[in-house]
Each structure stands twice: as structure tokens, then as C-alpha cells.
Amino acid sequence: MERLLHTDTLKEVFCGDESLGGLQEYADRVRQLHHRFLTAQLAPDASTPQLDIEELFRFAEDAEFLASQYTNPLVVEPTEGLPIEDVPSRQVVQDALALAGTLFEFLGDTIALYEQQTSYDVGRGLFATNDTSVESTPESPLLRLGRSALFYLKAALCYGLGHYESRTQVIFNRVLANLTFPGQPLALSNRQQWADYLIGALLGRNLREVLRAKQFIDEQTAAIRAYLRRSIASEDDPRQREVISSHTIANVETSLSLIDASLLGADAFLRGDAALIERSQHSLSHAVKSAYQLGNYELVWIIRTVSKVLARMWADSPWVRLK
């Protein structure tokens, strides 16, 4: 396999922590584990591969640290936080995110196998993050880590900002294959399913899928938002029996903003219109604000990183590269 990381980035990435050994050694260990795990699944008499659960939890912690640290503008942007001499180089940032993506993908593959063997709910969608208990499967400690779809999402986002941007498209298309095209007009009941599908299609560069959805969505978002506004206006009116909670409103607004961002982003790539990308990014900013209202900081990180990946996709598009 190709060289993943450079050993000399160890001290910068892990803040001088020598206990992990060389960064290349650490990355190689993860890849070897992943290879053995996948090979075991292909064996004719394959049984469930035995894994060190505690080590997987440590991997998850390392991946979360790298992903949050090296997408944090206070760390990676010279104008935001650290003195210029302490800002990590672009090479270090990309190395760290490449390793985070490798860890997340390994965890996703590992958990996906266990999900297939249990009744664990894998249908909660990409943006249904781990703010819900999974106590329904106490017999599977591994599933306390989270859902495979969420790890695949994080892997794709880290790859999208790291060395292996092409892996983003591969993983999103793999995730998209496991998502059902809603096929029904957008409604309160299926808005998260639409948001999952459209974001996955956009970041997987599958613009035809986004276009196919427009006929189901065009007039529905305005109708749902009008309904939400009426609900907010009726909160203090005792004559109104049906009032939606502020938590539900923020949840719905998050999904609608992700849907808007997907449609605008796809249009931008088809038309070459930078103004549409700006509107798409504005919708993602609105989704971040709604996620903050939910107190769901994992979702905040995901949406912010989606925004960064989208910006990189636009910068690398023929419209920008070829002017």
C-alpha cells in the first residue's frame, strides 16, 4: 500500500506524546488490523473476528481527537488562534486527517459486521448522531462505540480534507447504496431521510440523484417552514392545541437546511455559479446554528466539516480550475 503518513509529524500531531510510538508505526498497526479483520471475513469458514474492545475504544478516542483538533480553525488557521509559529503545517494537518479517516473507516467496517448479526438499529440515518442511548443491545459492548454509518461519514469527511480525497466519493457512494431513496414528497416524517440521502449524493458527486429529488422537494420546504412559523406563533395562544417543541423545530430546521444546501450545491456544480455555492454554505451555517440549539456538538462538527469539504470540492471543480 502507499505510504500513509510521515513519521516526523509525530510530535506535532500528538503534542509531544511519545507513548504512541512513531506515527507511521501507529498507522501501520491500524491498517494491519483492518487487513486481518477483512481477510477473516472472506474466509470460507469465517467466524466473528476477535478484537480487543478496549483497543477499539482507544482508536475511537484517537480518531475523534485528530478529527476535532485538525479541523479546528483555532489550531489550523493562522489568523484565528495560535501564534503563527505554532500553527501546524498543511502536511501535518493532512497527515492527521488521513490517519483519522483510516481509524474511522476501520471502526465502521468492524461495527458493520456486528450490526448485521444483531438487532441494532442501523436505519437511523447519517445525521442521527450518538445522542441516543443504545442500551437495547447490552450483549454487544462494541456497539457502544456508535453506528457504522456515522463512522463511515466521519471517515469520508476526514479523507475529504486529507490526502485521500478520492476516498470521500467512494465511501459516500457506499453509504448511499445502503440508504433508501425516499421516493415520497418531503414531509415532517421523512425530512431526515431526505437530508441523509441528498448530502450523501452531493458529497459522493452523484448529482443526478440530487436532481432526481427536486420534484419531491421544491414546494415542500416552504410549506413545512410556514407550518413551523405558525406553531411558534401559537405557543402563547391557549386556543391552539398543537404546538411543536423548540427542540423539534430546531431538529426540523437542521434537516431542511441540509436539504437546501444539497440542492443549491448540486445546482452550483452543474451551472458553475459561485453565488449558488455561497447560498449553499449559508444554508449549512444555518444548520450549524440549529444543531447548537439542539446541544448536539457532534452534529455541529459534522456539518461544519461538510461545509469545508464542499468548499474544497468547489475549489477543485473545473469551473474554478479552468476559470
Protein backbone atom coordinates (compact mmCIF):
# COMPACT_ATOMS: atom_id res chain seq x y z
CA MET A 1 0.00 0.00 0.00
CA GLU A 2 1.02 3.59 -0.46
CA ARG A 3 2.74 5.46 2.32
CA LEU A 4 0.05 6.97 4.52
CA LEU A 5 1.88 9.30 6.88
CA HIS A 6 5.26 10.77 7.62
CA THR A 7 6.90 9.74 10.88
CA ASP A 8 8.37 13.16 11.54
CA THR A 9 4.91 14.59 12.17
CA LEU A 10 4.50 12.62 15.41
CA LYS A 11 5.35 15.33 17.91
CA GLU A 12 3.25 17.99 16.21
CA VAL A 13 0.20 15.78 15.74
CA PHE A 14 0.17 14.19 19.18
CA CYS A 15 1.53 17.22 21.04
CA GLY A 16 4.78 15.52 22.02
CA ASP A 17 3.20 12.29 23.29
CA GLU A 18 5.94 9.69 22.72
CA SER A 19 3.95 6.78 24.17
CA LEU A 20 2.25 6.02 20.85
CA GLY A 21 5.50 5.30 19.02
CA GLY A 22 6.14 6.58 15.53
CA LEU A 23 3.09 7.89 13.73
CA GLN A 24 3.86 5.69 10.74
CA GLU A 25 4.13 2.69 13.06
CA TYR A 26 0.79 3.58 14.62
CA ALA A 27 -0.90 3.97 11.21
CA ASP A 28 0.60 0.68 10.00
CA ARG A 29 -0.74 -1.11 13.07
CA VAL A 30 -4.25 0.13 12.32
CA ARG A 31 -4.02 -0.88 8.67
CA GLN A 32 -2.70 -4.35 9.55
CA LEU A 33 -5.56 -4.88 11.98
CA HIS A 34 -8.02 -3.72 9.36
CA HIS A 35 -6.50 -6.04 6.74
CA ARG A 36 -6.63 -9.07 9.07
CA PHE A 37 -10.20 -8.25 10.02
CA LEU A 38 -11.38 -8.00 6.40
CA THR A 39 -9.41 -11.14 5.40
CA ALA A 40 -11.07 -13.11 8.20
CA GLN A 41 -14.49 -12.14 6.88
CA LEU A 42 -13.62 -13.52 3.40
CA ALA A 43 -12.52 -16.93 4.70
CA PRO A 44 -14.96 -19.77 3.80
CA ASP A 45 -15.34 -20.81 7.45
CA ALA A 46 -15.19 -17.28 8.76
CA SER A 47 -16.30 -16.71 12.30
CA THR A 48 -16.60 -13.36 14.01
CA PRO A 49 -13.04 -11.96 14.22
CA GLN A 50 -11.87 -11.47 17.78
CA LEU A 51 -10.94 -7.87 18.54
CA ASP A 52 -9.66 -6.06 21.59
CA ILE A 53 -12.65 -3.91 22.54
CA GLU A 54 -10.57 -1.60 24.72
CA GLU A 55 -8.16 -1.01 21.86
CA LEU A 56 -11.07 -0.12 19.57
CA PHE A 57 -12.26 2.41 22.12
CA ARG A 58 -8.77 3.91 22.21
CA PHE A 59 -8.78 4.07 18.41
CA ALA A 60 -12.11 5.88 18.53
CA GLU A 61 -10.73 8.39 21.04
CA ASP A 62 -7.63 8.99 18.91
CA ALA A 63 -9.73 9.46 15.76
CA GLU A 64 -12.06 11.92 17.49
CA PHE A 65 -9.07 13.86 18.83
CA LEU A 66 -7.39 14.09 15.43
CA ALA A 67 -10.61 14.96 13.60
CA SER A 68 -11.65 17.71 16.01
CA GLN A 69 -8.15 19.11 16.56
CA TYR A 70 -7.18 19.35 12.91
CA THR A 71 -10.43 20.82 11.65
CA ASN A 72 -10.46 23.43 14.42
CA PRO A 73 -9.79 26.89 12.94
CA LEU A 74 -8.19 27.97 16.23
CA VAL A 75 -5.49 25.36 15.59
CA VAL A 76 -5.09 25.29 11.81
CA GLU A 77 -5.81 28.90 10.74
CA PRO A 78 -3.02 31.43 11.36
CA THR A 79 -5.50 34.30 11.80
CA GLU A 80 -7.69 32.57 14.39
CA GLY A 81 -5.85 31.30 17.44
CA LEU A 82 -2.29 30.06 17.80
CA PRO A 83 0.77 32.25 17.14
CA ILE A 84 1.90 31.83 13.55
CA GLU A 85 4.99 29.82 14.54
CA ASP A 86 2.79 27.24 16.34
CA VAL A 87 0.29 26.70 13.54
CA PRO A 88 0.74 23.17 12.13
CA SER A 89 1.85 22.85 8.53
CA ARG A 90 -0.56 21.77 5.81
CA GLN A 91 1.34 18.47 5.62
CA VAL A 92 0.76 17.81 9.32
CA VAL A 93 -2.95 18.66 9.08
CA GLN A 94 -3.45 16.36 6.08
CA ASP A 95 -1.45 13.55 7.72
CA ALA A 96 -3.53 13.80 10.89
CA LEU A 97 -6.82 13.77 8.98
CA ALA A 98 -5.67 10.86 6.80
CA LEU A 99 -4.99 8.85 9.95
CA ALA A 100 -8.35 9.87 11.45
CA GLY A 101 -10.08 8.72 8.26
CA THR A 102 -8.27 5.37 8.39
CA LEU A 103 -9.33 4.87 12.01
CA PHE A 104 -12.95 5.82 11.35
CA GLU A 105 -13.17 3.54 8.30
CA PHE A 106 -11.72 0.61 10.26
CA LEU A 107 -14.23 1.20 13.05
CA GLY A 108 -17.06 1.46 10.51
CA ASP A 109 -16.14 -1.86 8.89
CA THR A 110 -15.74 -3.50 12.27
CA ILE A 111 -19.07 -2.35 13.65
CA ALA A 112 -20.94 -3.03 10.39
CA LEU A 113 -20.23 -6.75 10.84
CA TYR A 114 -21.68 -6.76 14.35
CA GLU A 115 -24.69 -4.72 13.26
CA GLN A 116 -25.53 -7.44 10.74
CA GLN A 117 -25.51 -10.05 13.50
CA THR A 118 -27.70 -8.15 15.98
CA SER A 119 -30.97 -6.29 16.05
CA TYR A 120 -29.12 -3.00 16.43
CA ASP A 121 -30.96 -0.20 14.64
CA VAL A 122 -28.85 0.74 11.62
CA GLY A 123 -31.61 2.75 9.98
CA ARG A 124 -31.37 5.93 12.00
CA GLY A 125 -29.55 7.75 9.22
CA LEU A 126 -26.30 9.61 8.82
CA PHE A 127 -27.22 12.67 10.84
CA ALA A 128 -28.88 10.81 13.72
CA THR A 129 -25.74 11.08 15.84
CA ASN A 130 -24.91 9.28 19.06
CA ASP A 131 -27.11 11.40 21.33
CA THR A 132 -29.48 8.42 21.72
CA SER A 133 -28.82 5.50 24.04
CA VAL A 134 -28.05 2.07 22.62
CA GLU A 135 -28.92 0.19 25.81
CA SER A 136 -31.15 -2.11 23.77
CA THR A 137 -28.05 -4.15 22.82
CA PRO A 138 -26.14 -4.67 26.10
CA GLU A 139 -24.84 -8.02 24.82
CA SER A 140 -22.62 -6.21 22.28
CA PRO A 141 -20.16 -3.88 24.05
CA LEU A 142 -18.72 -2.97 20.64
CA LEU A 143 -21.96 -1.24 19.66
CA ARG A 144 -21.47 1.28 22.46
CA LEU A 145 -18.96 2.90 20.12
CA GLY A 146 -21.75 4.01 17.76
CA ARG A 147 -23.14 3.15 14.36
CA SER A 148 -21.13 2.15 11.32
CA ALA A 149 -22.88 4.77 9.14
CA LEU A 150 -21.67 7.52 11.46
CA PHE A 151 -18.08 6.26 11.39
CA TYR A 152 -18.17 6.00 7.60
CA LEU A 153 -19.49 9.57 7.43
CA LYS A 154 -16.65 10.84 9.61
CA ALA A 155 -14.10 8.83 7.62
CA ALA A 156 -15.30 10.31 4.34
CA LEU A 157 -15.18 13.85 5.74
CA CYS A 158 -11.65 13.41 7.09
CA TYR A 159 -10.46 11.93 3.80
CA GLY A 160 -12.10 14.86 2.00
CA LEU A 161 -9.79 17.27 3.83
CA GLY A 162 -6.76 14.99 3.96
CA HIS A 163 -4.58 13.22 1.41
CA TYR A 164 -7.14 10.81 0.03
CA GLU A 165 -9.97 12.98 -1.25
CA SER A 166 -10.98 10.29 -3.75
CA ARG A 167 -11.89 8.02 -0.82
CA THR A 168 -14.61 10.51 0.13
CA GLN A 169 -16.54 9.77 -3.04
CA VAL A 170 -16.01 6.01 -2.68
CA ILE A 171 -17.27 5.92 0.91
CA PHE A 172 -20.23 8.21 0.32
CA ASN A 173 -21.34 6.11 -2.63
CA ARG A 174 -21.02 3.01 -0.44
CA VAL A 175 -23.14 4.65 2.25
CA LEU A 176 -25.59 5.92 -0.36
CA ALA A 177 -26.10 2.36 -1.60
CA ASN A 178 -27.37 1.45 1.88
CA LEU A 179 -29.76 4.40 2.06
CA THR A 180 -33.20 4.13 0.53
CA PHE A 181 -34.25 6.85 -1.90
CA PRO A 182 -37.27 8.30 -0.04
CA GLY A 183 -39.45 8.35 -3.15
CA GLN A 184 -42.19 10.32 -1.39
CA PRO A 185 -42.64 14.10 -1.21
CA LEU A 186 -40.74 15.79 1.58
CA ALA A 187 -42.69 15.82 4.86
CA LEU A 188 -42.00 16.19 8.57
CA SER A 189 -41.89 12.41 8.89
CA ASN A 190 -39.19 11.81 6.27
CA ARG A 191 -37.18 15.03 6.32
CA GLN A 192 -34.13 13.40 7.96
CA GLN A 193 -34.16 10.59 5.42
CA TRP A 194 -34.13 13.20 2.63
CA ALA A 195 -31.30 15.14 4.31
CA ASP A 196 -29.19 11.99 4.68
CA TYR A 197 -29.74 10.94 1.10
CA LEU A 198 -29.11 14.31 -0.51
CA ILE A 199 -25.96 15.16 1.47
CA GLY A 200 -24.61 11.69 0.71
CA ALA A 201 -25.38 12.11 -3.00
CA LEU A 202 -23.84 15.59 -3.18
CA LEU A 203 -20.58 14.69 -1.43
CA GLY A 204 -20.46 11.45 -3.41
CA ARG A 205 -20.59 13.61 -6.59
CA ASN A 206 -23.80 11.87 -7.63
CA LEU A 207 -25.54 14.99 -8.88
CA ARG A 208 -28.15 13.06 -10.89
CA GLU A 209 -29.55 11.67 -7.64
CA VAL A 210 -29.87 15.17 -6.23
CA LEU A 211 -31.64 16.35 -9.39
CA ARG A 212 -33.99 13.36 -9.22
CA ALA A 213 -35.10 14.56 -5.79
CA LYS A 214 -36.12 18.07 -6.80
CA GLN A 215 -39.58 17.04 -7.98
CA PHE A 216 -40.31 15.70 -4.47
CA ILE A 217 -39.00 18.74 -2.61
CA ASP A 218 -39.38 22.01 -4.50
CA GLU A 219 -42.60 23.23 -2.89
CA GLN A 220 -42.45 21.24 0.32
CA THR A 221 -39.73 23.05 2.28
CA ALA A 222 -41.64 26.35 2.15
CA ALA A 223 -44.84 24.63 3.33
CA ILE A 224 -43.06 22.94 6.25
CA ARG A 225 -41.38 26.18 7.32
CA ALA A 226 -44.72 28.01 7.16
CA TYR A 227 -46.16 25.32 9.42
CA LEU A 228 -43.27 25.78 11.87
CA ARG A 229 -43.79 29.55 11.91
CA ARG A 230 -47.47 29.06 12.71
CA SER A 231 -46.51 26.73 15.52
CA ILE A 232 -44.08 29.25 17.01
CA ALA A 233 -46.71 31.99 16.79
CA SER A 234 -49.27 29.81 18.56
CA GLU A 235 -47.14 28.87 21.58
CA ASP A 236 -48.79 31.50 23.79
CA ASP A 237 -52.27 31.02 22.36
CA PRO A 238 -54.31 28.59 24.53
CA ARG A 239 -56.78 28.14 21.69
CA GLN A 240 -54.14 26.31 19.69
CA ARG A 241 -53.90 22.66 20.72
CA GLU A 242 -50.92 21.58 18.62
CA VAL A 243 -47.67 23.30 19.45
CA ILE A 244 -44.31 21.85 18.34
CA SER A 245 -41.49 21.97 20.90
CA SER A 246 -38.50 24.21 20.27
CA HIS A 247 -36.27 21.10 20.23
CA THR A 248 -38.35 19.57 17.42
CA ILE A 249 -38.34 22.85 15.49
CA ALA A 250 -34.52 23.01 15.68
CA ASN A 251 -34.33 19.38 14.57
CA VAL A 252 -36.58 20.01 11.57
CA GLU A 253 -34.71 23.20 10.65
CA THR A 254 -31.41 21.30 10.69
CA SER A 255 -32.77 18.77 8.19
CA LEU A 256 -34.34 21.42 5.96
CA SER A 257 -31.13 23.45 5.88
CA LEU A 258 -29.12 20.37 4.89
CA ILE A 259 -31.65 19.68 2.12
CA ASP A 260 -31.41 23.28 0.89
CA ALA A 261 -27.61 23.10 0.94
CA SER A 262 -27.63 19.90 -1.11
CA LEU A 263 -29.93 21.24 -3.82
CA LEU A 264 -28.07 24.55 -4.07
CA GLY A 265 -24.69 22.81 -4.12
CA ALA A 266 -25.72 20.45 -6.92
CA ASP A 267 -27.06 23.37 -8.97
CA ALA A 268 -23.79 25.23 -8.43
CA PHE A 269 -21.70 22.35 -9.78
CA LEU A 270 -23.96 21.95 -12.80
CA ARG A 271 -24.18 25.66 -13.64
CA GLY A 272 -20.77 26.86 -12.46
CA ASP A 273 -22.44 29.54 -10.35
CA ALA A 274 -20.35 30.63 -7.35
CA ALA A 275 -23.33 32.52 -5.92
CA LEU A 276 -25.17 29.21 -5.51
CA ILE A 277 -22.23 27.77 -3.57
CA GLU A 278 -22.36 30.80 -1.26
CA ARG A 279 -26.08 30.19 -0.69
CA SER A 280 -25.38 26.51 -0.05
CA GLN A 281 -22.75 27.45 2.54
CA HIS A 282 -25.21 29.88 4.13
CA SER A 283 -27.72 27.03 4.49
CA LEU A 284 -25.04 24.89 6.16
CA SER A 285 -24.29 27.76 8.56
CA HIS A 286 -27.99 27.86 9.44
CA ALA A 287 -27.90 24.09 10.04
CA VAL A 288 -24.97 24.58 12.43
CA LYS A 289 -26.96 27.15 14.42
CA SER A 290 -29.90 24.76 14.66
CA ALA A 291 -27.59 21.94 15.79
CA TYR A 292 -26.23 24.24 18.51
CA GLN A 293 -29.81 24.79 19.70
CA LEU A 294 -30.13 21.01 19.99
CA GLY A 295 -26.96 20.90 22.07
CA ASN A 296 -25.63 18.28 19.65
CA TYR A 297 -21.97 19.23 19.29
CA GLU A 298 -21.06 16.09 17.39
CA LEU A 299 -23.57 17.13 14.73
CA VAL A 300 -22.14 20.66 14.78
CA TRP A 301 -18.69 19.24 13.93
CA ILE A 302 -20.12 17.05 11.16
CA ILE A 303 -22.00 19.90 9.45
CA ARG A 304 -19.05 22.28 9.74
CA THR A 305 -16.80 19.67 8.18
CA VAL A 306 -19.34 19.04 5.40
CA SER A 307 -19.07 22.76 4.69
CA LYS A 308 -15.27 22.56 4.46
CA VAL A 309 -15.39 19.52 2.17
CA LEU A 310 -17.92 21.27 -0.06
CA ALA A 311 -15.66 24.34 -0.27
CA ARG A 312 -12.74 22.11 -1.27
CA MET A 313 -14.87 20.34 -3.89
CA TRP A 314 -15.77 23.72 -5.40
CA ALA A 315 -12.16 24.91 -5.37
CA ASP A 316 -11.16 21.75 -7.24
CA SER A 317 -14.04 21.88 -9.72
CA PRO A 318 -13.45 22.58 -13.45
CA TRP A 319 -15.36 25.87 -13.06
CA VAL A 320 -12.65 27.19 -10.75
CA ARG A 321 -9.63 25.30 -12.06
CA LEU A 322 -10.27 26.16 -15.70
CA LYS A 323 -11.86 29.55 -14.99
